[in-house]
PDB file of N, CA and C in Angstrom:
ATOM      1  N   MET A   1       0.844  -1.181   0.000  1.00  0.00           N
ATOM      2  CA  MET A   1       0.000   0.000   0.000  1.00  0.00           C
ATOM      3  C   MET A   1       0.886   1.241   0.000  1.00  0.00           C
ATOM      4  N   GLN A   2       0.520   2.198  -0.821  1.00  0.00           N
ATOM      5  CA  GLN A   2       1.299   3.423  -0.933  1.00  0.00           C
ATOM      6  C   GLN A   2       0.635   4.545  -0.135  1.00  0.00           C
ATOM      7  N   SER A   3       1.457   5.375   0.474  1.00  0.00           N
ATOM      8  CA  SER A   3       0.919   6.533   1.178  1.00  0.00           C
ATOM      9  C   SER A   3       0.611   7.637   0.174  1.00  0.00           C
ATOM     10  N   ARG A   4      -0.122   8.638   0.615  1.00  0.00           N
ATOM     11  CA  ARG A   4      -0.406   9.791  -0.250  1.00  0.00           C
ATOM     12  C   ARG A   4       0.900  10.454  -0.672  1.00  0.00           C
ATOM     13  N   ASP A   5       1.861  10.515   0.247  1.00  0.00           N
ATOM     14  CA  ASP A   5       3.154  11.134  -0.080  1.00  0.00           C
ATOM     15  C   ASP A   5       3.881  10.351  -1.169  1.00  0.00           C
ATOM     16  N   ASP A   6       3.799   9.016  -1.105  1.00  0.00           N
ATOM     17  CA  ASP A   6       4.419   8.182  -2.129  1.00  0.00           C
ATOM     18  C   ASP A   6       3.785   8.444  -3.493  1.00  0.00           C
ATOM     19  N   VAL A   7       2.453   8.509  -3.502  1.00  0.00           N
ATOM     20  CA  VAL A   7       1.729   8.756  -4.749  1.00  0.00           C
ATOM     21  C   VAL A   7       2.095  10.141  -5.287  1.00  0.00           C
ATOM     22  N   TYR A   8       2.147  11.129  -4.403  1.00  0.00           N
ATOM     23  CA  TYR A   8       2.507  12.488  -4.820  1.00  0.00           C
ATOM     24  C   TYR A   8       3.904  12.508  -5.443  1.00  0.00           C
ATOM     25  N   GLN A   9       4.840  11.847  -4.802  1.00  0.00           N
ATOM     26  CA  GLN A   9       6.219  11.841  -5.311  1.00  0.00           C
ATOM     27  C   GLN A   9       6.300  11.161  -6.668  1.00  0.00           C
ATOM     28  N   GLN A  10       5.584  10.038  -6.836  1.00  0.00           N
ATOM     29  CA  GLN A  10       5.587   9.356  -8.129  1.00  0.00           C
ATOM     30  C   GLN A  10       4.968  10.246  -9.203  1.00  0.00           C
ATOM     31  N   LEU A  11       3.853  10.864  -8.867  1.00  0.00           N
ATOM     32  CA  LEU A  11       3.201  11.752  -9.820  1.00  0.00           C
ATOM     33  C   LEU A  11       4.142  12.890 -10.197  1.00  0.00           C
ATOM     34  N   ARG A  12       4.785  13.472  -9.228  1.00  0.00           N
ATOM     35  CA  ARG A  12       5.736  14.566  -9.475  1.00  0.00           C
ATOM     36  C   ARG A  12       6.852  14.104 -10.413  1.00  0.00           C
ATOM     37  N   ASP A  13       7.392  12.932 -10.134  1.00  0.00           N
ATOM     38  CA  ASP A  13       8.464  12.387 -10.977  1.00  0.00           C
ATOM     39  C   ASP A  13       7.979  12.170 -12.415  1.00  0.00           C
ATOM     40  N   TYR A  14       6.779  11.620 -12.569  1.00  0.00           N
ATOM     41  CA  TYR A  14       6.228  11.399 -13.908  1.00  0.00           C
ATOM     42  C   TYR A  14       6.026  12.704 -14.653  1.00  0.00           C
ATOM     43  N   LEU A  15       5.497  13.698 -13.957  1.00  0.00           N
ATOM     44  CA  LEU A  15       5.252  14.982 -14.613  1.00  0.00           C
ATOM     45  C   LEU A  15       6.551  15.614 -15.098  1.00  0.00           C
ATOM     46  N   VAL A  16       7.593  15.478 -14.308  1.00  0.00           N
ATOM     47  CA  VAL A  16       8.902  16.024 -14.691  1.00  0.00           C
ATOM     48  C   VAL A  16       9.514  15.199 -15.826  1.00  0.00           C
ATOM     49  N   ASP A  17       9.538  13.881 -15.660  1.00  0.00           N
ATOM     50  CA  ASP A  17      10.218  13.006 -16.624  1.00  0.00           C
ATOM     51  C   ASP A  17       9.462  12.835 -17.943  1.00  0.00           C
ATOM     52  N   LEU A  18       8.166  12.593 -17.858  1.00  0.00           N
ATOM     53  CA  LEU A  18       7.389  12.289 -19.059  1.00  0.00           C
ATOM     54  C   LEU A  18       6.867  13.517 -19.790  1.00  0.00           C
ATOM     55  N   PHE A  19       6.529  14.550 -19.034  1.00  0.00           N
ATOM     56  CA  PHE A  19       5.877  15.714 -19.639  1.00  0.00           C
ATOM     57  C   PHE A  19       6.717  16.988 -19.547  1.00  0.00           C
ATOM     58  N   GLU A  20       7.928  16.855 -19.002  1.00  0.00           N
ATOM     59  CA  GLU A  20       8.872  17.972 -18.900  1.00  0.00           C
ATOM     60  C   GLU A  20       8.292  19.192 -18.193  1.00  0.00           C
ATOM     61  N   VAL A  21       7.497  18.908 -17.150  1.00  0.00           N
ATOM     62  CA  VAL A  21       6.945  19.984 -16.329  1.00  0.00           C
ATOM     63  C   VAL A  21       8.038  20.393 -15.335  1.00  0.00           C
ATOM     64  N   PRO A  22       8.321  21.680 -15.212  1.00  0.00           N
ATOM     65  CA  PRO A  22       9.329  22.101 -14.233  1.00  0.00           C
ATOM     66  C   PRO A  22       8.904  21.692 -12.812  1.00  0.00           C
ATOM     67  N   ALA A  23       9.805  21.072 -12.083  1.00  0.00           N
ATOM     68  CA  ALA A  23       9.500  20.560 -10.742  1.00  0.00           C
ATOM     69  C   ALA A  23       8.932  21.641  -9.829  1.00  0.00           C
ATOM     70  N   GLU A  24       9.438  22.848  -9.962  1.00  0.00           N
ATOM     71  CA  GLU A  24       8.978  23.929  -9.080  1.00  0.00           C
ATOM     72  C   GLU A  24       7.529  24.345  -9.347  1.00  0.00           C
ATOM     73  N   ASP A  25       6.990  23.963 -10.503  1.00  0.00           N
ATOM     74  CA  ASP A  25       5.591  24.273 -10.830  1.00  0.00           C
ATOM     75  C   ASP A  25       4.617  23.267 -10.232  1.00  0.00           C
ATOM     76  N   ILE A  26       5.130  22.141  -9.772  1.00  0.00           N
ATOM     77  CA  ILE A  26       4.261  21.071  -9.289  1.00  0.00           C
ATOM     78  C   ILE A  26       4.018  21.234  -7.795  1.00  0.00           C
ATOM     79  N   THR A  27       2.801  21.635  -7.482  1.00  0.00           N
ATOM     80  CA  THR A  27       2.351  21.778  -6.101  1.00  0.00           C
ATOM     81  C   THR A  27       1.005  21.071  -5.992  1.00  0.00           C
ATOM     82  N   PRO A  28       0.554  20.769  -4.789  1.00  0.00           N
ATOM     83  CA  PRO A  28      -0.752  20.111  -4.653  1.00  0.00           C
ATOM     84  C   PRO A  28      -1.898  20.896  -5.301  1.00  0.00           C
ATOM     85  N   ASN A  29      -1.828  22.208  -5.266  1.00  0.00           N
ATOM     86  CA  ASN A  29      -2.911  23.034  -5.816  1.00  0.00           C
ATOM     87  C   ASN A  29      -2.734  23.385  -7.289  1.00  0.00           C
ATOM     88  N   ALA A  30      -1.645  22.948  -7.900  1.00  0.00           N
ATOM     89  CA  ALA A  30      -1.415  23.255  -9.316  1.00  0.00           C
ATOM     90  C   ALA A  30      -2.490  22.589 -10.163  1.00  0.00           C
ATOM     91  N   ARG A  31      -3.082  23.373 -11.050  1.00  0.00           N
ATOM     92  CA  ARG A  31      -4.111  22.850 -11.955  1.00  0.00           C
ATOM     93  C   ARG A  31      -3.424  22.204 -13.150  1.00  0.00           C
ATOM     94  N   LEU A  32      -3.886  21.016 -13.498  1.00  0.00           N
ATOM     95  CA  LEU A  32      -3.225  20.234 -14.535  1.00  0.00           C
ATOM     96  C   LEU A  32      -3.195  20.944 -15.883  1.00  0.00           C
ATOM     97  N   MET A  33      -4.317  21.437 -16.322  1.00  0.00           N
ATOM     98  CA  MET A  33      -4.374  22.064 -17.649  1.00  0.00           C
ATOM     99  C   MET A  33      -3.860  23.496 -17.628  1.00  0.00           C
ATOM    100  N   GLU A  34      -4.370  24.272 -16.707  1.00  0.00           N
ATOM    101  CA  GLU A  34      -4.043  25.699 -16.701  1.00  0.00           C
ATOM    102  C   GLU A  34      -2.615  25.996 -16.248  1.00  0.00           C
ATOM    103  N   ASP A  35      -2.165  25.321 -15.169  1.00  0.00           N
ATOM    104  CA  ASP A  35      -0.850  25.627 -14.603  1.00  0.00           C
ATOM    105  C   ASP A  35       0.275  24.760 -15.165  1.00  0.00           C
ATOM    106  N   LEU A  36      -0.040  23.497 -15.459  1.00  0.00           N
ATOM    107  CA  LEU A  36       1.008  22.556 -15.892  1.00  0.00           C
ATOM    108  C   LEU A  36       0.951  22.246 -17.378  1.00  0.00           C
ATOM    109  N   ASP A  37      -0.015  22.817 -18.065  1.00  0.00           N
ATOM    110  CA  ASP A  37      -0.136  22.707 -19.519  1.00  0.00           C
ATOM    111  C   ASP A  37      -0.295  21.263 -20.011  1.00  0.00           C
ATOM    112  N   LEU A  38      -1.039  20.450 -19.242  1.00  0.00           N
ATOM    113  CA  LEU A  38      -1.332  19.089 -19.677  1.00  0.00           C
ATOM    114  C   LEU A  38      -2.655  19.094 -20.431  1.00  0.00           C
ATOM    115  N   ASP A  39      -2.779  18.189 -21.390  1.00  0.00           N
ATOM    116  CA  ASP A  39      -4.052  18.075 -22.105  1.00  0.00           C
ATOM    117  C   ASP A  39      -4.659  16.703 -21.807  1.00  0.00           C
ATOM    118  N   SER A  40      -5.780  16.399 -22.433  1.00  0.00           N
ATOM    119  CA  SER A  40      -6.481  15.145 -22.137  1.00  0.00           C
ATOM    120  C   SER A  40      -5.656  13.920 -22.539  1.00  0.00           C
ATOM    121  N   ILE A  41      -4.873  14.032 -23.586  1.00  0.00           N
ATOM    122  CA  ILE A  41      -3.999  12.917 -24.001  1.00  0.00           C
ATOM    123  C   ILE A  41      -2.941  12.665 -22.930  1.00  0.00           C
ATOM    124  N   ASP A  42      -2.394  13.734 -22.373  1.00  0.00           N
ATOM    125  CA  ASP A  42      -1.412  13.595 -21.294  1.00  0.00           C
ATOM    126  C   ASP A  42      -2.041  12.903 -20.086  1.00  0.00           C
ATOM    127  N   ALA A  43      -3.286  13.253 -19.784  1.00  0.00           N
ATOM    128  CA  ALA A  43      -3.982  12.636 -18.656  1.00  0.00           C
ATOM    129  C   ALA A  43      -4.133  11.134 -18.866  1.00  0.00           C
ATOM    130  N   VAL A  44      -4.468  10.730 -20.072  1.00  0.00           N
ATOM    131  CA  VAL A  44      -4.587   9.300 -20.383  1.00  0.00           C
ATOM    132  C   VAL A  44      -3.229   8.622 -20.224  1.00  0.00           C
ATOM    133  N   ASP A  45      -2.178   9.244 -20.703  1.00  0.00           N
ATOM    134  CA  ASP A  45      -0.833   8.683 -20.551  1.00  0.00           C
ATOM    135  C   ASP A  45      -0.468   8.507 -19.069  1.00  0.00           C
ATOM    136  N   LEU A  46      -0.877   9.460 -18.268  1.00  0.00           N
ATOM    137  CA  LEU A  46      -0.611   9.408 -16.833  1.00  0.00           C
ATOM    138  C   LEU A  46      -1.369   8.244 -16.191  1.00  0.00           C
ATOM    139  N   ILE A  47      -2.610   8.055 -16.574  1.00  0.00           N
ATOM    140  CA  ILE A  47      -3.413   6.938 -16.060  1.00  0.00           C
ATOM    141  C   ILE A  47      -2.759   5.613 -16.429  1.00  0.00           C
ATOM    142  N   VAL A  48      -2.326   5.491 -17.679  1.00  0.00           N
ATOM    143  CA  VAL A  48      -1.674   4.260 -18.134  1.00  0.00           C
ATOM    144  C   VAL A  48      -0.411   3.988 -17.312  1.00  0.00           C
ATOM    145  N   LYS A  49       0.358   5.013 -17.047  1.00  0.00           N
ATOM    146  CA  LYS A  49       1.591   4.859 -16.268  1.00  0.00           C
ATOM    147  C   LYS A  49       1.281   4.349 -14.862  1.00  0.00           C
ATOM    148  N   PHE A  50       0.264   4.918 -14.218  1.00  0.00           N
ATOM    149  CA  PHE A  50      -0.106   4.456 -12.882  1.00  0.00           C
ATOM    150  C   PHE A  50      -0.674   3.039 -12.919  1.00  0.00           C
ATOM    151  N   GLN A  51      -1.371   2.679 -13.980  1.00  0.00           N
ATOM    152  CA  GLN A  51      -1.868   1.309 -14.116  1.00  0.00           C
ATOM    153  C   GLN A  51      -0.707   0.335 -14.183  1.00  0.00           C
ATOM    154  N   GLU A  52       0.342   0.711 -14.904  1.00  0.00           N
ATOM    155  CA  GLU A  52       1.513  -0.151 -15.039  1.00  0.00           C
ATOM    156  C   GLU A  52       2.163  -0.427 -13.687  1.00  0.00           C
ATOM    157  N   ILE A  53       2.302   0.599 -12.864  1.00  0.00           N
ATOM    158  CA  ILE A  53       3.014   0.391 -11.603  1.00  0.00           C
ATOM    159  C   ILE A  53       2.134  -0.191 -10.506  1.00  0.00           C
ATOM    160  N   THR A  54       0.827   0.075 -10.553  1.00  0.00           N
ATOM    161  CA  THR A  54      -0.053  -0.451  -9.516  1.00  0.00           C
ATOM    162  C   THR A  54      -0.614  -1.819  -9.864  1.00  0.00           C
ATOM    163  N   GLY A  55      -0.647  -2.140 -11.161  1.00  0.00           N
ATOM    164  CA  GLY A  55      -1.244  -3.390 -11.582  1.00  0.00           C
ATOM    165  C   GLY A  55      -2.758  -3.387 -11.478  1.00  0.00           C
ATOM    166  N   LYS A  56      -3.341  -2.202 -11.274  1.00  0.00           N
ATOM    167  CA  LYS A  56      -4.788  -2.084 -11.147  1.00  0.00           C
ATOM    168  C   LYS A  56      -5.360  -1.284 -12.300  1.00  0.00           C
ATOM    169  N   LYS A  57      -6.548  -1.685 -12.704  1.00  0.00           N
ATOM    170  CA  LYS A  57      -7.258  -0.958 -13.760  1.00  0.00           C
ATOM    171  C   LYS A  57      -7.772   0.350 -13.173  1.00  0.00           C
ATOM    172  N   ILE A  58      -7.459   1.433 -13.832  1.00  0.00           N
ATOM    173  CA  ILE A  58      -7.907   2.746 -13.381  1.00  0.00           C
ATOM    174  C   ILE A  58      -8.870   3.291 -14.427  1.00  0.00           C
ATOM    175  N   PRO A  59     -10.169   3.301 -14.113  1.00  0.00           N
ATOM    176  CA  PRO A  59     -11.157   3.771 -15.083  1.00  0.00           C
ATOM    177  C   PRO A  59     -10.959   5.247 -15.425  1.00  0.00           C
ATOM    178  N   ALA A  60     -10.893   5.535 -16.694  1.00  0.00           N
ATOM    179  CA  ALA A  60     -10.699   6.926 -17.128  1.00  0.00           C
ATOM    180  C   ALA A  60     -11.808   7.831 -16.613  1.00  0.00           C
ATOM    181  N   LEU A  61     -13.010   7.294 -16.480  1.00  0.00           N
ATOM    182  CA  LEU A  61     -14.126   8.099 -15.975  1.00  0.00           C
ATOM    183  C   LEU A  61     -13.885   8.613 -14.559  1.00  0.00           C
ATOM    184  N   GLU A  62     -13.075   7.890 -13.800  1.00  0.00           N
ATOM    185  CA  GLU A  62     -12.733   8.326 -12.442  1.00  0.00           C
ATOM    186  C   GLU A  62     -12.003   9.672 -12.457  1.00  0.00           C
ATOM    187  N   PHE A  63     -11.407   9.991 -13.584  1.00  0.00           N
ATOM    188  CA  PHE A  63     -10.576  11.189 -13.658  1.00  0.00           C
ATOM    189  C   PHE A  63     -11.273  12.388 -14.288  1.00  0.00           C
ATOM    190  N   ARG A  64     -12.550  12.249 -14.580  1.00  0.00           N
ATOM    191  CA  ARG A  64     -13.272  13.377 -15.192  1.00  0.00           C
ATOM    192  C   ARG A  64     -13.313  14.602 -14.293  1.00  0.00           C
ATOM    193  N   SER A  65     -13.384  14.376 -12.984  1.00  0.00           N
ATOM    194  CA  SER A  65     -13.495  15.494 -12.044  1.00  0.00           C
ATOM    195  C   SER A  65     -12.138  16.004 -11.557  1.00  0.00           C
ATOM    196  N   VAL A  66     -11.074  15.371 -11.996  1.00  0.00           N
ATOM    197  CA  VAL A  66      -9.725  15.737 -11.552  1.00  0.00           C
ATOM    198  C   VAL A  66      -9.295  17.052 -12.198  1.00  0.00           C
ATOM    199  N   ARG A  67      -8.872  17.979 -11.355  1.00  0.00           N
ATOM    200  CA  ARG A  67      -8.432  19.281 -11.862  1.00  0.00           C
ATOM    201  C   ARG A  67      -7.031  19.669 -11.382  1.00  0.00           C
ATOM    202  N   THR A  68      -6.664  19.195 -10.185  1.00  0.00           N
ATOM    203  CA  THR A  68      -5.384  19.593  -9.595  1.00  0.00           C
ATOM    204  C   THR A  68      -4.498  18.376  -9.338  1.00  0.00           C
ATOM    205  N   VAL A  69      -3.259  18.644  -9.030  1.00  0.00           N
ATOM    206  CA  VAL A  69      -2.317  17.583  -8.676  1.00  0.00           C
ATOM    207  C   VAL A  69      -2.860  16.807  -7.474  1.00  0.00           C
ATOM    208  N   ASP A  70      -3.378  17.514  -6.475  1.00  0.00           N
ATOM    209  CA  ASP A  70      -3.902  16.844  -5.287  1.00  0.00           C
ATOM    210  C   ASP A  70      -5.108  15.962  -5.621  1.00  0.00           C
ATOM    211  N   ASP A  71      -5.930  16.376  -6.577  1.00  0.00           N
ATOM    212  CA  ASP A  71      -7.056  15.537  -7.015  1.00  0.00           C
ATOM    213  C   ASP A  71      -6.546  14.209  -7.561  1.00  0.00           C
ATOM    214  N   VAL A  72      -5.495  14.254  -8.351  1.00  0.00           N
ATOM    215  CA  VAL A  72      -4.911  13.029  -8.924  1.00  0.00           C
ATOM    216  C   VAL A  72      -4.373  12.145  -7.800  1.00  0.00           C
ATOM    217  N   VAL A  73      -3.644  12.750  -6.879  1.00  0.00           N
ATOM    218  CA  VAL A  73      -3.071  11.991  -5.765  1.00  0.00           C
ATOM    219  C   VAL A  73      -4.181  11.290  -4.985  1.00  0.00           C
ATOM    220  N   GLU A  74      -5.253  12.000  -4.706  1.00  0.00           N
ATOM    221  CA  GLU A  74      -6.361  11.419  -3.945  1.00  0.00           C
ATOM    222  C   GLU A  74      -6.989  10.238  -4.686  1.00  0.00           C
ATOM    223  N   LYS A  75      -7.273  10.409  -5.967  1.00  0.00           N
ATOM    224  CA  LYS A  75      -7.888   9.335  -6.763  1.00  0.00           C
ATOM    225  C   LYS A  75      -6.990   8.103  -6.808  1.00  0.00           C
ATOM    226  N   ILE A  76      -5.724   8.303  -7.087  1.00  0.00           N
ATOM    227  CA  ILE A  76      -4.783   7.174  -7.173  1.00  0.00           C
ATOM    228  C   ILE A  76      -4.644   6.509  -5.817  1.00  0.00           C
ATOM    229  N   HIS A  77      -4.511   7.299  -4.776  1.00  0.00           N
ATOM    230  CA  HIS A  77      -4.344   6.740  -3.421  1.00  0.00           C
ATOM    231  C   HIS A  77      -5.542   5.881  -3.026  1.00  0.00           C
ATOM    232  N   VAL A  78      -6.739   6.358  -3.286  1.00  0.00           N
ATOM    233  CA  VAL A  78      -7.943   5.588  -2.977  1.00  0.00           C
ATOM    234  C   VAL A  78      -7.965   4.285  -3.781  1.00  0.00           C
ATOM    235  N   LEU A  79      -7.624   4.364  -5.057  1.00  0.00           N
ATOM    236  CA  LEU A  79      -7.649   3.167  -5.913  1.00  0.00           C
ATOM    237  C   LEU A  79      -6.615   2.130  -5.500  1.00  0.00           C
ATOM    238  N   VAL A  80      -5.413   2.562  -5.141  1.00  0.00           N
ATOM    239  CA  VAL A  80      -4.378   1.603  -4.785  1.00  0.00           C
ATOM    240  C   VAL A  80      -4.537   1.103  -3.346  1.00  0.00           C
ATOM    241  N   SER A  81      -5.299   1.807  -2.549  1.00  0.00           N
ATOM    242  CA  SER A  81      -5.516   1.399  -1.163  1.00  0.00           C
ATOM    243  C   SER A  81      -6.670   0.424  -1.006  1.00  0.00           C
ATOM    244  N   SER A  82      -7.465   0.281  -2.065  1.00  0.00           N
ATOM    245  CA  SER A  82      -8.638  -0.605  -1.958  1.00  0.00           C
ATOM    246  C   SER A  82      -8.320  -2.036  -2.343  1.00  0.00           C
TER     247      SER A  82
END
């Protein structure tokens, strides 16, 4: 089981490595589209990456309401904790 901090760190690493988001821009309140310049394709890529490491199916519909980095962390944490 991963803690919220673990999920946050992994997400931060992915955003930096895969999407070239500057690390200093990644905060819990950072908005994915507006602040980090991610689009819907990037969001799908992020879901796929988390599916690979968790081994769990992550329904894309679960992410419709996700707007911030913290929203992503919460969704992933709940899914991997169940």
